[in-house]
Every structure is written in C-alpha cells, then in structure tokens.
C-alpha cells in the first residue's frame, strides 16, 4: 500500500474509460511502484460512501509479483510502506479494504 497525504490509498485509482479494470490495476502498479504484476480475477467488491451523495464502487483484485526489485513510489504519494496482511487492520483505510485483505488471508492467498 502507498501512503498518500490523505491517508492510505490503493494503486488503482485512475481508471481510463474503456480500459479493462485488471489492465488498469496492472498499469497503475507499474506506474506507481515500478513493478510488473500478474493480476487475477476480481476477488471482492464493496461500495465506499465518500459523502452522503457520493458513492464509489470498489472492485478488488488479487495481484502477484514474482520479482525481487525494491518498489519505488510515485511523486503523488508521501511514502511507501510494505506491510504484511496481518498488519492491515492497524492502517488508516476504509473497512472494505480491510475486509478484502482479511478474506484473502482466510482463503489462503498469502504465503
């Protein structure tokens, strides 16, 4: 996860119209972390209520990285922190992200 000035954010937050969601995620990870990843099928969905009148549909994917390159972070974020799945509950992020991570752990997606 990258830590943005407004809190914790996921890499895939700039969807281009017509772009496949999995391709968007792979592109955003490449642009923001300089990692080439393999993105799987959608894993979890939820609706984030940003304001009473604004809701965001979140489509969560599992992505794997098989390299050993240290990630870099883009200039739009203040720092980079790689955290273990069991540390996610302590992060400042919406509950829907924490639910997706917990479910991925419970289903054995992390080694």
N, C-alpha and C. Protein backbone atom coordinates (compact mmCIF):
# COMPACT_ATOMS: atom_id res chain seq x y z
N UNK A 1 0.85 -1.17 0.00
CA UNK A 1 0.00 0.00 0.00
C UNK A 1 0.90 1.23 0.00
N UNK A 2 0.47 2.26 -0.68
CA UNK A 2 1.20 3.51 -0.64
C UNK A 2 0.47 4.47 0.27
N UNK A 3 1.21 5.25 1.01
CA UNK A 3 0.61 6.19 1.95
C UNK A 3 0.55 7.56 1.31
N UNK A 4 -0.63 8.01 0.98
CA UNK A 4 -0.83 9.32 0.37
C UNK A 4 -1.06 10.35 1.45
N UNK A 5 -0.98 11.61 1.08
CA UNK A 5 -1.15 12.67 2.08
C UNK A 5 -2.53 12.63 2.73
N UNK A 6 -3.52 12.06 2.04
CA UNK A 6 -4.87 11.99 2.59
C UNK A 6 -5.13 10.67 3.31
N UNK A 7 -4.12 9.86 3.49
CA UNK A 7 -4.30 8.57 4.14
C UNK A 7 -3.81 7.45 3.25
N UNK A 8 -4.22 6.24 3.50
CA UNK A 8 -3.78 5.09 2.73
C UNK A 8 -4.63 4.95 1.48
N UNK A 9 -3.98 4.68 0.36
CA UNK A 9 -4.74 4.50 -0.88
C UNK A 9 -4.24 3.28 -1.61
N UNK A 10 -5.08 2.73 -2.44
CA UNK A 10 -4.66 1.63 -3.28
C UNK A 10 -4.11 2.20 -4.58
N UNK A 11 -3.24 1.44 -5.29
CA UNK A 11 -2.66 1.96 -6.52
C UNK A 11 -3.65 2.22 -7.64
N UNK A 12 -4.71 1.43 -7.76
CA UNK A 12 -5.59 1.53 -8.92
C UNK A 12 -6.68 2.56 -8.72
N UNK A 13 -6.33 3.81 -8.80
CA UNK A 13 -7.33 4.84 -8.58
C UNK A 13 -7.50 5.77 -9.77
N UNK A 14 -6.90 5.46 -10.90
CA UNK A 14 -7.03 6.28 -12.10
C UNK A 14 -7.49 5.42 -13.27
N UNK A 15 -8.77 5.15 -13.29
CA UNK A 15 -9.35 4.31 -14.33
C UNK A 15 -9.57 5.12 -15.59
N UNK A 16 -9.08 4.62 -16.71
CA UNK A 16 -9.29 5.27 -18.01
C UNK A 16 -10.51 4.64 -18.68
N UNK A 17 -11.49 5.44 -19.11
CA UNK A 17 -12.68 4.89 -19.77
C UNK A 17 -12.29 3.94 -20.91
N UNK A 18 -12.93 2.78 -20.93
CA UNK A 18 -12.64 1.77 -21.95
C UNK A 18 -11.54 0.80 -21.57
N UNK A 19 -10.82 1.10 -20.51
CA UNK A 19 -9.74 0.23 -20.06
C UNK A 19 -10.32 -0.90 -19.20
N UNK A 20 -9.85 -2.09 -19.40
CA UNK A 20 -10.28 -3.21 -18.57
C UNK A 20 -9.76 -2.99 -17.16
N UNK A 21 -10.58 -3.25 -16.15
CA UNK A 21 -10.15 -3.00 -14.77
C UNK A 21 -8.85 -3.70 -14.38
N UNK A 22 -8.66 -4.96 -14.76
CA UNK A 22 -7.42 -5.66 -14.41
C UNK A 22 -6.21 -5.02 -15.09
N UNK A 23 -6.39 -4.58 -16.33
CA UNK A 23 -5.31 -3.89 -17.04
C UNK A 23 -4.99 -2.55 -16.38
N UNK A 24 -6.02 -1.87 -15.90
CA UNK A 24 -5.84 -0.62 -15.18
C UNK A 24 -5.00 -0.84 -13.93
N UNK A 25 -5.33 -1.86 -13.16
CA UNK A 25 -4.58 -2.14 -11.95
C UNK A 25 -3.12 -2.45 -12.27
N UNK A 26 -2.88 -3.31 -13.26
CA UNK A 26 -1.50 -3.65 -13.64
C UNK A 26 -0.74 -2.40 -14.07
N UNK A 27 -1.38 -1.54 -14.85
CA UNK A 27 -0.74 -0.30 -15.30
C UNK A 27 -0.42 0.62 -14.13
N UNK A 28 -1.38 0.80 -13.23
CA UNK A 28 -1.17 1.69 -12.10
C UNK A 28 -0.05 1.17 -11.18
N UNK A 29 0.00 -0.13 -10.95
CA UNK A 29 1.08 -0.69 -10.14
C UNK A 29 2.42 -0.45 -10.82
N UNK A 30 2.47 -0.65 -12.12
CA UNK A 30 3.70 -0.41 -12.88
C UNK A 30 4.11 1.06 -12.80
N UNK A 31 3.15 1.97 -12.97
CA UNK A 31 3.46 3.40 -12.94
C UNK A 31 3.86 3.88 -11.55
N UNK A 32 3.19 3.39 -10.52
CA UNK A 32 3.39 3.92 -9.18
C UNK A 32 4.45 3.18 -8.37
N UNK A 33 4.69 1.90 -8.66
CA UNK A 33 5.65 1.12 -7.88
C UNK A 33 6.80 0.56 -8.72
N UNK A 34 6.69 0.68 -10.05
CA UNK A 34 7.69 0.13 -10.98
C UNK A 34 7.77 -1.39 -10.87
N UNK A 35 6.64 -2.03 -10.63
CA UNK A 35 6.54 -3.48 -10.57
C UNK A 35 5.64 -3.98 -11.68
N UNK A 36 6.06 -5.04 -12.37
CA UNK A 36 5.19 -5.74 -13.30
C UNK A 36 4.54 -6.88 -12.54
N UNK A 37 3.21 -6.89 -12.52
CA UNK A 37 2.48 -7.88 -11.73
C UNK A 37 1.56 -8.70 -12.62
N UNK A 38 1.10 -9.80 -12.08
CA UNK A 38 0.06 -10.61 -12.71
C UNK A 38 -1.21 -10.36 -11.91
N UNK A 39 -2.24 -9.87 -12.59
CA UNK A 39 -3.50 -9.55 -11.93
C UNK A 39 -4.50 -10.66 -12.22
N UNK A 40 -5.11 -11.16 -11.16
CA UNK A 40 -6.09 -12.24 -11.30
C UNK A 40 -7.50 -11.71 -11.51
N UNK A 41 -8.46 -12.55 -11.28
CA UNK A 41 -9.87 -12.19 -11.42
C UNK A 41 -10.32 -11.32 -10.26
N UNK A 42 -11.43 -10.61 -10.42
CA UNK A 42 -11.98 -9.83 -9.30
C UNK A 42 -12.19 -10.74 -8.09
N UNK A 43 -11.87 -10.22 -6.92
CA UNK A 43 -11.92 -11.01 -5.70
C UNK A 43 -13.00 -10.55 -4.73
N UNK A 44 -13.20 -9.26 -4.62
CA UNK A 44 -14.10 -8.72 -3.61
C UNK A 44 -14.65 -7.39 -4.12
N UNK A 45 -15.91 -7.11 -3.82
CA UNK A 45 -16.50 -5.82 -4.19
C UNK A 45 -17.16 -5.19 -2.98
N UNK A 46 -17.22 -3.88 -2.98
CA UNK A 46 -17.91 -3.15 -1.92
C UNK A 46 -18.15 -1.72 -2.38
N UNK A 47 -19.00 -1.02 -1.69
CA UNK A 47 -19.30 0.37 -2.03
C UNK A 47 -18.79 1.27 -0.91
N UNK A 48 -17.96 2.22 -1.30
CA UNK A 48 -17.37 3.18 -0.37
C UNK A 48 -18.19 4.46 -0.39
N UNK A 49 -18.75 4.81 0.73
CA UNK A 49 -19.55 6.03 0.84
C UNK A 49 -18.61 7.19 1.19
N UNK A 50 -18.21 7.94 0.18
CA UNK A 50 -17.28 9.05 0.36
C UNK A 50 -17.98 10.20 1.07
N UNK A 51 -19.16 10.54 0.58
CA UNK A 51 -20.02 11.57 1.15
C UNK A 51 -21.45 11.02 1.07
N UNK A 52 -22.41 11.62 1.77
CA UNK A 52 -23.78 11.12 1.67
C UNK A 52 -24.31 11.06 0.23
N UNK A 53 -23.82 11.93 -0.62
CA UNK A 53 -24.29 11.99 -2.01
C UNK A 53 -23.30 11.38 -3.01
N UNK A 54 -22.20 10.82 -2.52
CA UNK A 54 -21.20 10.26 -3.45
C UNK A 54 -20.73 8.89 -2.95
N UNK A 55 -20.91 7.90 -3.81
CA UNK A 55 -20.51 6.53 -3.50
C UNK A 55 -19.57 6.03 -4.60
N UNK A 56 -18.59 5.23 -4.21
CA UNK A 56 -17.62 4.67 -5.15
C UNK A 56 -17.70 3.15 -5.08
N UNK A 57 -17.88 2.52 -6.22
CA UNK A 57 -17.88 1.06 -6.31
C UNK A 57 -16.43 0.60 -6.38
N UNK A 58 -16.01 -0.24 -5.45
CA UNK A 58 -14.62 -0.72 -5.39
C UNK A 58 -14.59 -2.19 -5.80
N UNK A 59 -13.79 -2.47 -6.80
CA UNK A 59 -13.59 -3.82 -7.31
C UNK A 59 -12.17 -4.22 -6.95
N UNK A 60 -12.03 -5.20 -6.05
CA UNK A 60 -10.73 -5.61 -5.54
C UNK A 60 -10.23 -6.83 -6.30
N UNK A 61 -8.96 -6.79 -6.68
CA UNK A 61 -8.31 -7.91 -7.37
C UNK A 61 -7.15 -8.40 -6.51
N UNK A 62 -6.75 -9.64 -6.73
CA UNK A 62 -5.50 -10.14 -6.17
C UNK A 62 -4.46 -10.02 -7.27
N UNK A 63 -3.30 -9.52 -6.92
CA UNK A 63 -2.20 -9.39 -7.87
C UNK A 63 -0.96 -10.01 -7.26
N UNK A 64 -0.15 -10.63 -8.09
CA UNK A 64 1.09 -11.23 -7.61
C UNK A 64 2.28 -10.60 -8.29
N UNK A 65 3.36 -10.55 -7.54
CA UNK A 65 4.63 -10.02 -8.04
C UNK A 65 5.69 -11.06 -7.75
N UNK A 66 6.36 -11.51 -8.78
CA UNK A 66 7.35 -12.57 -8.62
C UNK A 66 8.78 -12.10 -8.67
N UNK A 67 9.00 -10.81 -8.72
CA UNK A 67 10.36 -10.29 -8.82
C UNK A 67 10.98 -10.02 -7.47
N UNK A 68 12.15 -9.41 -7.52
CA UNK A 68 12.85 -9.06 -6.29
C UNK A 68 13.29 -7.60 -6.28
N UNK A 69 12.73 -6.81 -7.18
CA UNK A 69 13.07 -5.39 -7.25
C UNK A 69 12.38 -4.64 -6.12
N UNK A 70 13.11 -3.77 -5.48
CA UNK A 70 12.53 -2.94 -4.44
C UNK A 70 11.58 -1.95 -5.11
N UNK A 71 10.35 -1.82 -4.62
CA UNK A 71 9.41 -0.89 -5.26
C UNK A 71 9.83 0.56 -5.04
N UNK A 72 9.46 1.39 -5.98
CA UNK A 72 9.62 2.84 -5.84
C UNK A 72 8.22 3.41 -5.73
N UNK A 73 8.10 4.61 -5.22
CA UNK A 73 6.77 5.20 -5.16
C UNK A 73 6.74 6.48 -5.97
N UNK A 74 5.58 6.75 -6.53
CA UNK A 74 5.43 7.92 -7.38
C UNK A 74 5.41 9.19 -6.55
N UNK A 75 5.54 10.32 -7.21
CA UNK A 75 5.58 11.60 -6.53
C UNK A 75 4.24 12.00 -5.92
N UNK A 76 3.16 11.32 -6.30
CA UNK A 76 1.86 11.69 -5.74
C UNK A 76 1.63 11.11 -4.34
N UNK A 77 2.59 10.35 -3.84
CA UNK A 77 2.49 9.77 -2.50
C UNK A 77 3.67 10.23 -1.66
N UNK A 78 3.44 10.37 -0.35
CA UNK A 78 4.49 10.88 0.51
C UNK A 78 5.47 9.80 0.97
N UNK A 79 5.03 8.56 1.02
CA UNK A 79 5.93 7.49 1.40
C UNK A 79 5.37 6.14 0.96
N UNK A 80 6.21 5.13 1.05
CA UNK A 80 5.83 3.77 0.68
C UNK A 80 6.04 2.87 1.89
N UNK A 81 5.08 2.03 2.17
CA UNK A 81 5.22 1.07 3.26
C UNK A 81 4.72 -0.28 2.77
N UNK A 82 5.56 -1.29 2.83
CA UNK A 82 5.15 -2.65 2.52
C UNK A 82 4.77 -3.29 3.85
N UNK A 83 3.55 -3.73 3.94
CA UNK A 83 3.07 -4.31 5.20
C UNK A 83 2.57 -5.73 4.99
N UNK A 84 2.71 -6.53 6.02
CA UNK A 84 2.18 -7.90 5.98
C UNK A 84 0.66 -7.83 6.11
N UNK A 85 -0.05 -8.79 5.56
CA UNK A 85 -1.52 -8.77 5.63
C UNK A 85 -2.06 -8.62 7.05
N UNK A 86 -1.39 -9.22 8.03
CA UNK A 86 -1.90 -9.13 9.40
C UNK A 86 -1.69 -7.74 10.02
N UNK A 87 -0.95 -6.87 9.35
CA UNK A 87 -0.76 -5.51 9.83
C UNK A 87 -1.79 -4.54 9.25
N UNK A 88 -2.58 -5.00 8.28
CA UNK A 88 -3.51 -4.11 7.58
C UNK A 88 -4.59 -3.55 8.49
N UNK A 89 -5.00 -4.30 9.49
CA UNK A 89 -6.07 -3.82 10.36
C UNK A 89 -5.68 -2.56 11.12
N UNK A 90 -4.40 -2.30 11.29
CA UNK A 90 -3.94 -1.12 12.02
C UNK A 90 -3.80 0.11 11.11
N UNK A 91 -3.93 -0.08 9.81
CA UNK A 91 -3.77 1.04 8.88
C UNK A 91 -5.01 1.92 8.83
N UNK A 92 -4.81 3.17 8.48
CA UNK A 92 -5.90 4.12 8.32
C UNK A 92 -6.45 3.99 6.90
N UNK A 93 -7.45 3.13 6.74
CA UNK A 93 -8.08 2.92 5.44
C UNK A 93 -9.50 2.44 5.66
N UNK A 94 -10.35 2.60 4.65
CA UNK A 94 -11.75 2.17 4.78
C UNK A 94 -11.86 0.68 5.12
N UNK A 95 -12.90 0.35 5.86
CA UNK A 95 -13.13 -1.02 6.32
C UNK A 95 -13.26 -2.01 5.17
N UNK A 96 -13.78 -1.60 4.02
CA UNK A 96 -13.93 -2.51 2.89
C UNK A 96 -12.61 -3.09 2.42
N UNK A 97 -11.55 -2.29 2.44
CA UNK A 97 -10.22 -2.80 2.08
C UNK A 97 -9.76 -3.83 3.10
N UNK A 98 -9.98 -3.53 4.38
CA UNK A 98 -9.57 -4.46 5.44
C UNK A 98 -10.33 -5.78 5.33
N UNK A 99 -11.61 -5.71 4.98
CA UNK A 99 -12.42 -6.92 4.79
C UNK A 99 -11.85 -7.76 3.66
N UNK A 100 -11.51 -7.13 2.54
CA UNK A 100 -10.95 -7.86 1.39
C UNK A 100 -9.64 -8.54 1.77
N UNK A 101 -8.78 -7.84 2.49
CA UNK A 101 -7.50 -8.42 2.90
C UNK A 101 -7.73 -9.59 3.85
N UNK A 102 -8.61 -9.42 4.83
CA UNK A 102 -8.92 -10.49 5.77
C UNK A 102 -9.45 -11.73 5.04
N UNK A 103 -10.35 -11.53 4.08
CA UNK A 103 -10.90 -12.67 3.33
C UNK A 103 -9.82 -13.36 2.50
N UNK A 104 -8.93 -12.58 1.92
CA UNK A 104 -7.83 -13.18 1.13
C UNK A 104 -6.93 -14.03 2.03
N UNK A 105 -6.65 -13.55 3.23
CA UNK A 105 -5.85 -14.32 4.19
C UNK A 105 -6.58 -15.60 4.56
N UNK A 106 -7.86 -15.48 4.90
CA UNK A 106 -8.65 -16.65 5.31
C UNK A 106 -8.72 -17.70 4.22
N UNK A 107 -8.69 -17.28 2.96
CA UNK A 107 -8.77 -18.22 1.84
C UNK A 107 -7.39 -18.71 1.38
N UNK A 108 -6.35 -18.31 2.10
CA UNK A 108 -5.01 -18.82 1.81
C UNK A 108 -4.28 -18.17 0.65
N UNK A 109 -4.64 -16.94 0.31
CA UNK A 109 -3.99 -16.28 -0.83
C UNK A 109 -2.63 -15.68 -0.51
N UNK A 110 -2.27 -15.58 0.75
CA UNK A 110 -0.96 -15.06 1.13
C UNK A 110 -0.12 -16.22 1.66
N UNK A 111 1.15 -16.21 1.31
CA UNK A 111 2.05 -17.27 1.78
C UNK A 111 2.82 -16.82 2.97
